[in-house]
Amino acid sequence: MKLPDRHKPITDFSIARTRYTPMFRVQGETTMETFDALIERVGVRLELPPGQPPYLVPGQPLEGVYRTGTTFAINKASLFTNTSKMPGPSFAIAAGPPAFGGTCPASALGEDVARSQRSITERIHSKGDTSFTFKQGRRLPVLGGAEPAKGKLTPGVAVSYDGDATFVCRSCYALDGNYRYPSKQVNDLMHTAWTRYELAQGGPARLGTALAFAIQHVNLTRPEGFQPYFRIHDAGDFYSAEYLEAWVACASMMTHMRFWAPTRQWVFTKWLPLLRSAEERVRAAGGWLVIRPSVLRIGDPVPMIAGLSAGSGVSAEDPCAWVCPVYNNIVPKVQADGSVTYGEAGACLEASCTMCWDQPAIPVSYGAH
């Protein structure tokens, strides 16, 4: 089944294969399992090694097996992302709709889920993996529903954006490029599995404390030095109320840090009081948590939700919105020989901007990229 470009599934067959195909095993064993099932069996733990960034370690050394038979080792996974664009570290979990193994419920608004799953299944079967089925995967528990329906959505939000080329999640960088490789998918899947494991063992307090220790640790070991700015989710979203509560606990403990989280969970009416309460309680504890409701479509007005920080848009025509200067502003760049050239700002600090964290009352608009 070949879909027109405007109907291209948010997740493609290579990502679905990694998430749902039994292509992983304990090193030395022959039984193949899905990654979720394997991690659930062997467990995963957080390590904070002296002088090194934090990482996650599965309970036993694992390996993945490509269709060609080539293997790759899975001994540990770095916990945080240190992108050149961000002023500080960030945290990623599996992106995409829950029906495709992701943690972004609102992205399902852009899918005819049954049709897309059928199309992806047929493509994988055509490549020889005839036993593939989405039913092998584990669905994340999502407050508001994995597939949105009438009566659950915030007024003004459409039930479906299927076929809309401007739907933001269709250009999600966390489901394209290098993110499609099994090694990167495994990294984010292990993050997701670790959050579920910690929540199951001790609830939001345990996960929130672990995140706080890990963030403090990475700030003490970064070659660039300490930064008070942390981005929650350079991939993924708040997939459950308990998971959101863990970040509330973390931000409430780390009053010297500034946390920013973009989210599309505002589209679900059940999530609005949870998000408002999260910001309010962190402020009451002396912490700093900016939750910005993210736009659903390129060019749409920036969402402004009462009780939440101002939202963020993509190429929004809004005279009140701050236009992100990254890739928009020309700045001086000092070269190794001391000479100065000029070019596009490629990072927040290079553009002298931390607006996303520092100014919760001002809406922000990013360029489409």
Protein backbone atom coordinates (compact mmCIF):
# COMPACT_ATOMS: atom_id res chain seq x y z
CA MET A 1 0.00 0.00 0.00
CA LYS A 2 1.69 3.21 -1.17
CA LEU A 3 0.40 6.37 0.48
CA PRO A 4 0.56 9.86 -1.06
CA ASP A 5 3.19 12.12 0.55
CA ARG A 6 0.58 14.04 2.51
CA HIS A 7 -0.52 10.73 4.08
CA LYS A 8 3.01 9.59 4.95
CA PRO A 9 2.86 7.84 8.34
CA ILE A 10 4.48 9.74 11.21
CA THR A 11 6.62 6.69 11.95
CA ASP A 12 8.12 4.62 9.16
CA PHE A 13 8.74 0.93 8.78
CA SER A 14 12.38 1.03 9.96
CA ILE A 15 11.39 2.55 13.31
CA ALA A 16 8.42 0.18 13.68
CA ARG A 17 10.67 -2.82 12.99
CA THR A 18 13.09 -1.80 15.75
CA ARG A 19 10.29 -1.23 18.24
CA TYR A 20 8.16 -4.29 17.51
CA THR A 21 10.31 -7.01 15.94
CA PRO A 22 12.05 -9.63 18.16
CA MET A 23 15.57 -8.60 17.14
CA PHE A 24 17.20 -8.38 20.57
CA ARG A 25 18.65 -10.94 22.97
CA VAL A 26 20.90 -11.36 26.00
CA GLN A 27 24.49 -11.76 24.82
CA GLY A 28 25.25 -15.49 24.66
CA GLU A 29 21.61 -16.52 24.33
CA THR A 30 19.70 -17.43 21.16
CA THR A 31 16.12 -16.48 22.08
CA MET A 32 15.08 -13.25 20.35
CA GLU A 33 12.66 -10.80 22.00
CA THR A 34 11.28 -7.32 21.45
CA PHE A 35 13.34 -4.67 23.20
CA ASP A 36 10.54 -3.74 25.63
CA ALA A 37 10.01 -7.37 26.64
CA LEU A 38 13.73 -7.95 27.10
CA ILE A 39 14.27 -4.84 29.24
CA GLU A 40 11.23 -5.75 31.32
CA ARG A 41 12.83 -9.15 31.98
CA VAL A 42 16.43 -8.11 32.72
CA GLY A 43 15.78 -4.63 34.18
CA VAL A 44 17.76 -1.42 33.79
CA ARG A 45 19.64 0.72 36.31
CA LEU A 46 21.11 4.22 36.52
CA GLU A 47 24.89 4.62 36.92
CA LEU A 48 26.59 7.84 38.09
CA PRO A 49 30.30 7.12 37.50
CA PRO A 50 32.82 9.61 38.97
CA GLY A 51 33.95 12.13 36.40
CA GLN A 52 31.71 10.71 33.66
CA PRO A 53 28.19 11.52 32.46
CA PRO A 54 25.32 9.38 33.81
CA TYR A 55 24.18 6.38 31.81
CA LEU A 56 21.75 3.48 31.92
CA VAL A 57 22.87 -0.14 32.10
CA PRO A 58 20.64 -3.13 31.31
CA GLY A 59 20.62 -5.90 33.93
CA GLN A 60 22.56 -8.11 31.50
CA PRO A 61 24.64 -7.25 28.42
CA LEU A 62 22.34 -7.23 25.38
CA GLU A 63 22.73 -7.24 21.64
CA GLY A 64 20.61 -6.43 18.65
CA VAL A 65 20.62 -8.42 15.45
CA TYR A 66 20.10 -6.76 12.06
CA ARG A 67 18.22 -8.55 9.27
CA THR A 68 21.62 -9.30 7.72
CA GLY A 69 22.67 -11.20 10.84
CA THR A 70 25.16 -8.55 11.95
CA THR A 71 24.99 -7.85 15.68
CA PHE A 72 25.50 -4.68 17.72
CA ALA A 73 26.21 -4.55 21.45
CA ILE A 74 23.92 -2.79 23.93
CA ASN A 75 25.97 -2.45 27.10
CA LYS A 76 24.84 1.01 28.20
CA ALA A 77 23.00 4.11 27.00
CA SER A 78 23.83 7.73 27.77
CA LEU A 79 21.02 9.24 29.83
CA PHE A 80 21.03 12.82 28.57
CA THR A 81 21.48 14.55 25.23
CA ASN A 82 24.08 17.28 24.89
CA THR A 83 23.08 18.96 21.64
CA SER A 84 25.17 21.82 20.32
CA LYS A 85 22.05 23.96 20.02
CA MET A 86 20.86 23.76 23.65
CA PRO A 87 22.60 25.66 26.46
CA GLY A 88 22.42 22.59 28.71
CA PRO A 89 21.52 18.90 28.68
CA SER A 90 18.12 17.50 27.74
CA PHE A 91 16.20 14.25 28.11
CA ALA A 92 14.61 12.15 25.34
CA ILE A 93 12.13 9.29 25.30
CA ALA A 94 10.56 7.42 22.39
CA ALA A 95 8.76 9.81 20.00
CA GLY A 96 5.63 9.17 17.96
CA PRO A 97 2.05 8.03 18.64
CA PRO A 98 1.53 5.37 21.34
CA ALA A 99 0.08 3.01 18.71
CA PHE A 100 3.54 3.09 17.10
CA GLY A 101 5.45 2.59 20.35
CA GLY A 102 5.94 6.29 21.11
CA THR A 103 5.08 8.63 23.99
CA CYS A 104 3.38 11.46 22.06
CA PRO A 105 -0.42 10.94 22.25
CA ALA A 106 -1.30 14.17 20.40
CA SER A 107 0.71 13.09 17.36
CA ALA A 108 -1.97 10.44 16.77
CA LEU A 109 -4.26 13.29 15.63
CA GLY A 110 -2.28 13.31 12.39
CA GLU A 111 -2.78 9.61 11.70
CA ASP A 112 -5.33 7.21 10.37
CA VAL A 113 -3.75 4.70 12.76
CA ALA A 114 -5.25 1.53 11.27
CA ARG A 115 -4.33 2.53 7.73
CA SER A 116 -0.78 3.54 8.65
CA GLN A 117 -0.19 0.36 10.68
CA ARG A 118 -1.49 -1.69 7.76
CA SER A 119 0.78 0.13 5.31
CA ILE A 120 3.87 -0.26 7.50
CA THR A 121 3.09 -3.94 8.17
CA GLU A 122 2.83 -4.63 4.44
CA ARG A 123 6.16 -2.90 3.77
CA ILE A 124 7.93 -4.92 6.48
CA HIS A 125 6.37 -8.16 5.26
CA SER A 126 7.59 -7.37 1.74
CA LYS A 127 11.16 -7.25 3.10
CA GLY A 128 10.95 -10.75 4.56
CA ASP A 129 9.79 -10.14 8.15
CA THR A 130 6.49 -11.92 7.56
CA SER A 131 5.80 -12.52 11.27
CA PHE A 132 5.75 -8.78 12.06
CA THR A 133 2.71 -7.41 13.87
CA PHE A 134 2.14 -4.28 15.93
CA LYS A 135 0.47 -6.47 18.55
CA GLN A 136 3.93 -7.67 19.64
CA GLY A 137 4.64 -4.24 21.09
CA ARG A 138 3.63 -2.78 24.42
CA ARG A 139 1.32 0.20 24.51
CA LEU A 140 2.07 2.93 26.99
CA PRO A 141 -0.69 3.89 29.43
CA VAL A 142 -1.85 7.34 28.34
CA LEU A 143 -4.29 9.59 30.17
CA GLY A 144 -6.64 10.98 27.55
CA GLY A 145 -6.46 7.97 25.25
CA ALA A 146 -3.94 6.74 22.74
CA GLU A 147 -6.27 7.50 19.84
CA PRO A 148 -8.07 10.81 20.48
CA ALA A 149 -11.86 10.89 20.21
CA LYS A 150 -14.63 13.47 20.39
CA GLY A 151 -15.34 14.72 23.89
CA LYS A 152 -11.75 14.34 25.04
CA LEU A 153 -10.23 17.27 23.19
CA THR A 154 -9.77 20.90 24.15
CA PRO A 155 -12.22 23.19 22.30
CA GLY A 156 -10.80 24.28 18.96
CA VAL A 157 -8.75 21.12 18.46
CA ALA A 158 -9.90 19.02 15.50
CA VAL A 159 -10.52 15.30 15.92
CA SER A 160 -8.19 14.55 13.01
CA TYR A 161 -5.47 16.28 11.02
CA ASP A 162 -4.87 13.24 8.83
CA GLY A 163 -3.68 14.33 5.40
CA ASP A 164 -2.75 17.83 6.61
CA ALA A 165 0.78 18.49 5.37
CA THR A 166 1.20 21.31 7.93
CA PHE A 167 0.68 18.99 10.93
CA VAL A 168 3.89 19.58 12.90
CA CYS A 169 4.54 15.95 13.91
CA ARG A 170 4.91 14.99 10.24
CA SER A 171 8.27 16.79 10.20
CA CYS A 172 9.41 15.46 13.59
CA TYR A 173 13.22 15.28 13.60
CA ALA A 174 13.05 12.55 16.28
CA LEU A 175 11.49 10.18 13.73
CA ASP A 176 13.78 10.92 10.82
CA GLY A 177 17.43 10.98 9.80
CA ASN A 178 19.82 9.39 12.30
CA TYR A 179 16.93 8.86 14.72
CA ARG A 180 15.74 6.00 12.48
CA TYR A 181 18.79 3.83 13.21
CA PRO A 182 18.27 1.00 15.72
CA SER A 183 21.14 2.26 17.90
CA LYS A 184 19.42 5.63 18.44
CA GLN A 185 15.98 4.06 18.80
CA VAL A 186 17.35 1.70 21.46
CA ASN A 187 18.77 4.65 23.37
CA ASP A 188 15.38 6.39 23.61
CA LEU A 189 13.52 3.12 24.22
CA MET A 190 15.84 2.39 27.13
CA HIS A 191 15.11 5.84 28.57
CA THR A 192 11.39 5.13 28.29
CA ALA A 193 11.75 1.69 29.87
CA TRP A 194 13.83 3.15 32.71
CA THR A 195 11.16 5.74 33.56
CA ARG A 196 8.51 3.02 33.64
CA TYR A 197 10.72 0.79 35.78
CA GLU A 198 11.43 3.55 38.32
CA LEU A 199 7.75 4.49 38.49
CA ALA A 200 6.79 0.86 39.06
CA GLN A 201 9.41 0.47 41.80
CA GLY A 202 8.75 3.64 43.78
CA GLY A 203 6.35 5.97 41.98
CA PRO A 204 7.00 9.60 40.97
CA ALA A 205 9.10 10.38 44.05
CA ARG A 206 11.65 7.69 43.17
CA LEU A 207 11.91 8.66 39.50
CA GLY A 208 11.98 12.39 40.33
CA THR A 209 14.81 11.90 42.83
CA ALA A 210 16.79 9.78 40.36
CA LEU A 211 16.40 12.46 37.67
CA ALA A 212 17.53 15.17 40.09
CA PHE A 213 20.66 13.23 41.09
CA ALA A 214 21.45 12.50 37.44
CA ILE A 215 20.99 16.14 36.34
CA GLN A 216 23.21 17.38 39.15
CA HIS A 217 25.78 14.74 38.23
CA VAL A 218 25.85 15.63 34.53
CA ASN A 219 26.22 19.31 35.35
CA LEU A 220 29.29 18.50 37.45
CA THR A 221 30.89 16.41 34.70
CA ARG A 222 30.11 18.44 31.54
CA PRO A 223 33.28 19.75 29.83
CA GLU A 224 31.33 22.95 29.09
CA GLY A 225 30.67 23.45 32.80
CA PHE A 226 27.48 23.95 34.79
CA GLN A 227 24.37 25.39 33.15
CA PRO A 228 21.13 26.08 35.03
CA TYR A 229 19.03 25.32 31.92
CA PHE A 230 17.48 21.90 31.27
CA ARG A 231 15.09 20.91 28.49
CA ILE A 232 12.60 18.17 29.29
CA HIS A 233 12.05 16.17 26.08
CA ASP A 234 14.07 16.85 22.99
CA ALA A 235 11.99 13.83 21.93
CA GLY A 236 8.76 12.46 23.40
CA ASP A 237 6.14 13.95 25.72
CA PHE A 238 4.51 13.50 29.12
CA TYR A 239 3.00 10.06 28.57
CA SER A 240 1.25 9.63 31.94
CA ALA A 241 0.17 11.62 34.98
CA GLU A 242 2.70 9.75 37.15
CA TYR A 243 5.51 10.56 34.76
CA LEU A 244 4.59 14.27 34.82
CA GLU A 245 4.52 14.10 38.62
CA ALA A 246 8.09 12.78 38.64
CA TRP A 247 9.28 15.92 36.82
CA VAL A 248 7.34 18.06 39.31
CA ALA A 249 9.24 16.33 42.11
CA CYS A 250 12.56 16.82 40.30
CA ALA A 251 12.04 20.52 39.53
CA SER A 252 10.77 21.18 43.08
CA MET A 253 14.01 19.76 44.51
CA MET A 254 16.33 21.52 42.07
CA THR A 255 15.44 25.14 42.79
CA HIS A 256 18.78 26.27 41.30
CA MET A 257 17.74 24.96 37.86
CA ARG A 258 15.36 26.22 35.18
CA PHE A 259 13.30 23.55 33.43
CA TRP A 260 11.45 24.00 30.15
CA ALA A 261 9.10 21.43 28.62
CA PRO A 262 7.23 21.80 25.33
CA THR A 263 4.07 19.66 25.27
CA ARG A 264 1.07 18.87 23.12
CA GLN A 265 -0.81 17.17 25.93
CA TRP A 266 -2.82 20.38 26.31
CA VAL A 267 -5.05 19.12 23.47
CA PHE A 268 -6.63 16.66 25.95
CA THR A 269 -9.09 18.25 28.39
CA LYS A 270 -8.05 15.85 31.18
CA TRP A 271 -4.47 17.09 30.95
CA LEU A 272 -5.11 20.81 31.38
CA PRO A 273 -5.57 20.73 35.19
CA LEU A 274 -2.56 18.41 35.52
CA LEU A 275 -0.28 20.74 33.57
CA ARG A 276 -1.52 23.84 35.41
CA SER A 277 -1.05 22.15 38.78
CA ALA A 278 2.47 21.05 37.82
CA GLU A 279 3.65 24.60 37.13
CA GLU A 280 1.88 25.99 40.18
CA ARG A 281 3.30 23.46 42.64
CA VAL A 282 6.87 23.82 41.37
CA ARG A 283 6.58 27.61 41.79
CA ALA A 284 5.22 27.14 45.31
CA ALA A 285 8.27 25.01 46.13
CA GLY A 286 10.61 27.73 44.89
CA GLY A 287 11.48 25.94 41.66
CA TRP A 288 11.19 26.92 37.99
CA LEU A 289 9.18 24.88 35.48
CA VAL A 290 8.00 26.38 32.19
CA ILE A 291 5.49 24.16 30.35
CA ARG A 292 4.80 25.61 26.91
CA PRO A 293 1.80 24.24 24.96
CA SER A 294 3.09 23.52 21.45
CA VAL A 295 1.22 24.29 18.25
CA LEU A 296 -0.28 21.46 16.19
CA ARG A 297 0.19 22.95 12.72
CA ILE A 298 2.83 25.08 11.03
CA GLY A 299 1.58 28.66 10.78
CA ASP A 300 -1.15 28.30 13.41
CA PRO A 301 -1.45 30.93 16.18
CA VAL A 302 0.62 30.18 19.27
CA PRO A 303 -1.54 28.36 21.88
CA MET A 304 -2.27 30.55 24.91
CA ILE A 305 -3.79 28.46 27.71
CA ALA A 306 -4.96 30.12 30.92
CA GLY A 307 -2.87 28.97 33.87
CA LEU A 308 0.04 27.77 31.73
CA SER A 309 3.13 29.46 30.36
CA ALA A 310 2.78 31.05 26.93
CA GLY A 311 2.91 28.55 24.09
CA SER A 312 5.25 27.96 21.18
CA GLY A 313 4.53 27.94 17.45
CA VAL A 314 6.23 27.16 14.17
CA SER A 315 6.43 30.00 11.64
CA ALA A 316 3.57 31.64 13.52
CA GLU A 317 2.37 35.00 12.19
CA ASP A 318 1.98 36.50 15.62
CA PRO A 319 3.31 40.03 16.27
CA CYS A 320 3.43 39.30 20.01
CA ALA A 321 5.58 36.18 19.67
CA TRP A 322 9.32 36.19 20.19
CA VAL A 323 10.96 34.79 17.04
CA CYS A 324 13.65 32.28 17.96
CA PRO A 325 16.96 33.82 16.82
CA VAL A 326 18.63 30.46 16.15
CA TYR A 327 19.03 30.13 12.36
CA ASN A 328 17.39 33.57 12.09
CA ASN A 329 20.01 36.01 13.43
CA ILE A 330 23.45 36.83 12.01
CA VAL A 331 26.09 36.93 14.75
CA PRO A 332 29.88 37.38 14.92
CA LYS A 333 31.85 34.12 15.18
CA VAL A 334 35.40 34.12 16.56
CA GLN A 335 37.63 31.64 14.70
CA ALA A 336 40.52 29.62 16.11
CA ASP A 337 43.04 32.11 14.73
CA GLY A 338 41.26 35.01 16.42
CA SER A 339 39.63 36.35 13.28
CA VAL A 340 35.93 37.21 13.26
CA THR A 341 33.43 36.06 10.66
CA TYR A 342 29.65 36.38 10.52
CA GLY A 343 27.01 33.70 10.09
CA GLU A 344 23.70 32.32 11.33
CA ALA A 345 23.42 31.72 15.05
CA GLY A 346 23.38 27.93 15.47
CA ALA A 347 22.73 27.71 19.19
CA CYS A 348 20.80 29.43 21.97
CA LEU A 349 23.87 30.81 23.73
CA GLU A 350 25.46 31.87 20.43
CA ALA A 351 22.31 33.92 19.84
CA SER A 352 22.45 35.20 23.46
CA CYS A 353 18.94 33.81 24.04
CA THR A 354 17.39 31.65 26.74
CA MET A 355 13.87 32.99 26.23
CA CYS A 356 12.21 29.54 26.28
CA TRP A 357 13.26 29.14 29.91
CA ASP A 358 13.44 32.69 31.22
CA GLN A 359 10.28 34.39 29.93
CA PRO A 360 7.24 32.13 30.52
CA ALA A 361 4.76 34.95 29.76
CA ILE A 362 6.10 35.55 26.21
CA PRO A 363 5.05 33.23 23.34
CA VAL A 364 7.84 31.88 21.15
CA SER A 365 7.83 31.03 17.44
CA TYR A 366 10.41 28.78 15.78
CA GLY A 367 11.27 28.54 12.12
CA ALA A 368 10.23 25.37 10.28
CA HIS A 369 13.24 23.06 9.97
